[in-house]
């Protein structure tokens, strides 16, 4: 079953033109196989259009990249290059 924590802030899930809330996704996921649930979790991370059990979904994800702790990843900046130039 999908948990509320699996659906990140900023991720929007549409089905048949309607935005679905976390509780709706959780209730839908109760009827999914393990394979379908794993696929949905993958799509939560990358976004896209797909269907599960005949129900069409469209997921949009924020442009920011998150690490495994849910924190926003920043760009690595090397200060040594500035000092040596």
C-alpha atoms as a PDB file:
ATOM      1  CA  UNK A   1       0.000   0.000   0.000  1.00  0.00           C
ATOM      2  CA  UNK A   2       1.227   3.520  -0.804  1.00  0.00           C
ATOM      3  CA  UNK A   3       1.803   5.723   2.255  1.00  0.00           C
ATOM      4  CA  UNK A   4       1.364   9.481   2.634  1.00  0.00           C
ATOM      5  CA  UNK A   5       5.139   9.821   3.048  1.00  0.00           C
ATOM      6  CA  UNK A   6       5.712   8.270  -0.397  1.00  0.00           C
ATOM      7  CA  UNK A   7       3.925  11.193  -2.066  1.00  0.00           C
ATOM      8  CA  UNK A   8       6.291  14.145  -1.875  1.00  0.00           C
ATOM      9  CA  UNK A   9       5.273  17.755  -1.474  1.00  0.00           C
ATOM     10  CA  UNK A  10       4.902  19.394  -4.867  1.00  0.00           C
ATOM     11  CA  UNK A  11       4.030  16.134  -6.643  1.00  0.00           C
ATOM     12  CA  UNK A  12       0.627  16.366  -8.326  1.00  0.00           C
ATOM     13  CA  UNK A  13      -1.323  13.260  -9.324  1.00  0.00           C
ATOM     14  CA  UNK A  14      -4.114  13.532 -11.892  1.00  0.00           C
ATOM     15  CA  UNK A  15      -6.621  10.914 -12.971  1.00  0.00           C
ATOM     16  CA  UNK A  16      -9.249  11.568 -15.632  1.00  0.00           C
ATOM     17  CA  UNK A  17      -8.695  15.321 -15.359  1.00  0.00           C
ATOM     18  CA  UNK A  18      -9.055  15.453 -11.565  1.00  0.00           C
ATOM     19  CA  UNK A  19      -6.330  16.079  -8.990  1.00  0.00           C
ATOM     20  CA  UNK A  20      -6.188  13.176  -6.541  1.00  0.00           C
ATOM     21  CA  UNK A  21      -5.387  13.672  -2.861  1.00  0.00           C
ATOM     22  CA  UNK A  22      -3.163  11.385  -0.798  1.00  0.00           C
ATOM     23  CA  UNK A  23      -6.086   9.564   0.852  1.00  0.00           C
ATOM     24  CA  UNK A  24      -7.582   8.689  -2.547  1.00  0.00           C
ATOM     25  CA  UNK A  25      -4.249   7.308  -3.774  1.00  0.00           C
ATOM     26  CA  UNK A  26      -3.888   5.225  -0.605  1.00  0.00           C
ATOM     27  CA  UNK A  27      -7.364   3.708  -1.007  1.00  0.00           C
ATOM     28  CA  UNK A  28      -6.714   2.939  -4.697  1.00  0.00           C
ATOM     29  CA  UNK A  29      -3.365   1.314  -3.884  1.00  0.00           C
ATOM     30  CA  UNK A  30      -5.006  -1.193  -1.516  1.00  0.00           C
ATOM     31  CA  UNK A  31      -6.184  -3.147  -4.586  1.00  0.00           C
ATOM     32  CA  UNK A  32      -2.841  -3.066  -6.450  1.00  0.00           C
ATOM     33  CA  UNK A  33      -0.388  -5.912  -6.757  1.00  0.00           C
ATOM     34  CA  UNK A  34       3.144  -5.495  -5.414  1.00  0.00           C
ATOM     35  CA  UNK A  35       4.405  -4.983  -8.977  1.00  0.00           C
ATOM     36  CA  UNK A  36       1.831  -2.229  -9.643  1.00  0.00           C
ATOM     37  CA  UNK A  37       2.696  -0.515  -6.365  1.00  0.00           C
ATOM     38  CA  UNK A  38       6.425  -0.549  -7.150  1.00  0.00           C
ATOM     39  CA  UNK A  39       5.706   0.892 -10.597  1.00  0.00           C
ATOM     40  CA  UNK A  40       3.571   3.670  -9.079  1.00  0.00           C
ATOM     41  CA  UNK A  41       6.348   4.528  -6.607  1.00  0.00           C
ATOM     42  CA  UNK A  42       8.814   4.782  -9.505  1.00  0.00           C
ATOM     43  CA  UNK A  43       6.455   7.076 -11.386  1.00  0.00           C
ATOM     44  CA  UNK A  44       6.045   9.248  -8.271  1.00  0.00           C
ATOM     45  CA  UNK A  45       9.767   9.989  -8.515  1.00  0.00           C
ATOM     46  CA  UNK A  46      10.006  10.643 -12.260  1.00  0.00           C
ATOM     47  CA  UNK A  47       6.481  11.662 -13.288  1.00  0.00           C
ATOM     48  CA  UNK A  48       4.670  10.769 -16.505  1.00  0.00           C
ATOM     49  CA  UNK A  49       1.507   9.223 -17.940  1.00  0.00           C
ATOM     50  CA  UNK A  50       0.521   5.604 -17.294  1.00  0.00           C
ATOM     51  CA  UNK A  51      -2.380   3.382 -16.272  1.00  0.00           C
ATOM     52  CA  UNK A  52      -2.919   0.792 -13.547  1.00  0.00           C
ATOM     53  CA  UNK A  53      -5.911  -1.564 -13.653  1.00  0.00           C
ATOM     54  CA  UNK A  54      -7.450   0.508 -16.455  1.00  0.00           C
ATOM     55  CA  UNK A  55      -7.277   3.774 -14.503  1.00  0.00           C
ATOM     56  CA  UNK A  56      -5.160   6.447 -16.204  1.00  0.00           C
ATOM     57  CA  UNK A  57      -2.765   8.587 -14.174  1.00  0.00           C
ATOM     58  CA  UNK A  58      -0.650  11.631 -14.935  1.00  0.00           C
ATOM     59  CA  UNK A  59       1.982  12.659 -12.393  1.00  0.00           C
ATOM     60  CA  UNK A  60       3.926  15.900 -12.381  1.00  0.00           C
ATOM     61  CA  UNK A  61       6.966  16.259 -10.158  1.00  0.00           C
ATOM     62  CA  UNK A  62       8.738  19.412  -8.985  1.00  0.00           C
ATOM     63  CA  UNK A  63      11.870  20.463 -10.876  1.00  0.00           C
ATOM     64  CA  UNK A  64      14.007  20.263  -7.744  1.00  0.00           C
ATOM     65  CA  UNK A  65      16.002  17.122  -7.013  1.00  0.00           C
ATOM     66  CA  UNK A  66      15.555  15.560  -3.578  1.00  0.00           C
ATOM     67  CA  UNK A  67      17.933  13.221  -1.751  1.00  0.00           C
ATOM     68  CA  UNK A  68      16.840  10.112   0.158  1.00  0.00           C
ATOM     69  CA  UNK A  69      16.036  12.230   3.236  1.00  0.00           C
ATOM     70  CA  UNK A  70      13.615  14.392   1.240  1.00  0.00           C
ATOM     71  CA  UNK A  71      15.967  17.395   1.350  1.00  0.00           C
ATOM     72  CA  UNK A  72      16.564  19.562  -1.706  1.00  0.00           C
ATOM     73  CA  UNK A  73      19.900  18.781  -3.333  1.00  0.00           C
ATOM     74  CA  UNK A  74      22.028  21.843  -4.055  1.00  0.00           C
ATOM     75  CA  UNK A  75      24.554  22.381  -6.787  1.00  0.00           C
ATOM     76  CA  UNK A  76      28.116  21.550  -5.763  1.00  0.00           C
ATOM     77  CA  UNK A  77      30.377  24.560  -6.114  1.00  0.00           C
ATOM     78  CA  UNK A  78      34.141  24.273  -5.986  1.00  0.00           C
ATOM     79  CA  UNK A  79      35.649  27.401  -4.362  1.00  0.00           C
ATOM     80  CA  UNK A  80      39.226  26.372  -5.184  1.00  0.00           C
ATOM     81  CA  UNK A  81      38.704  27.276  -8.851  1.00  0.00           C
ATOM     82  CA  UNK A  82      37.834  30.870  -7.946  1.00  0.00           C
ATOM     83  CA  UNK A  83      40.840  31.281  -5.660  1.00  0.00           C
ATOM     84  CA  UNK A  84      43.317  30.003  -8.270  1.00  0.00           C
ATOM     85  CA  UNK A  85      42.099  32.094 -11.184  1.00  0.00           C
END
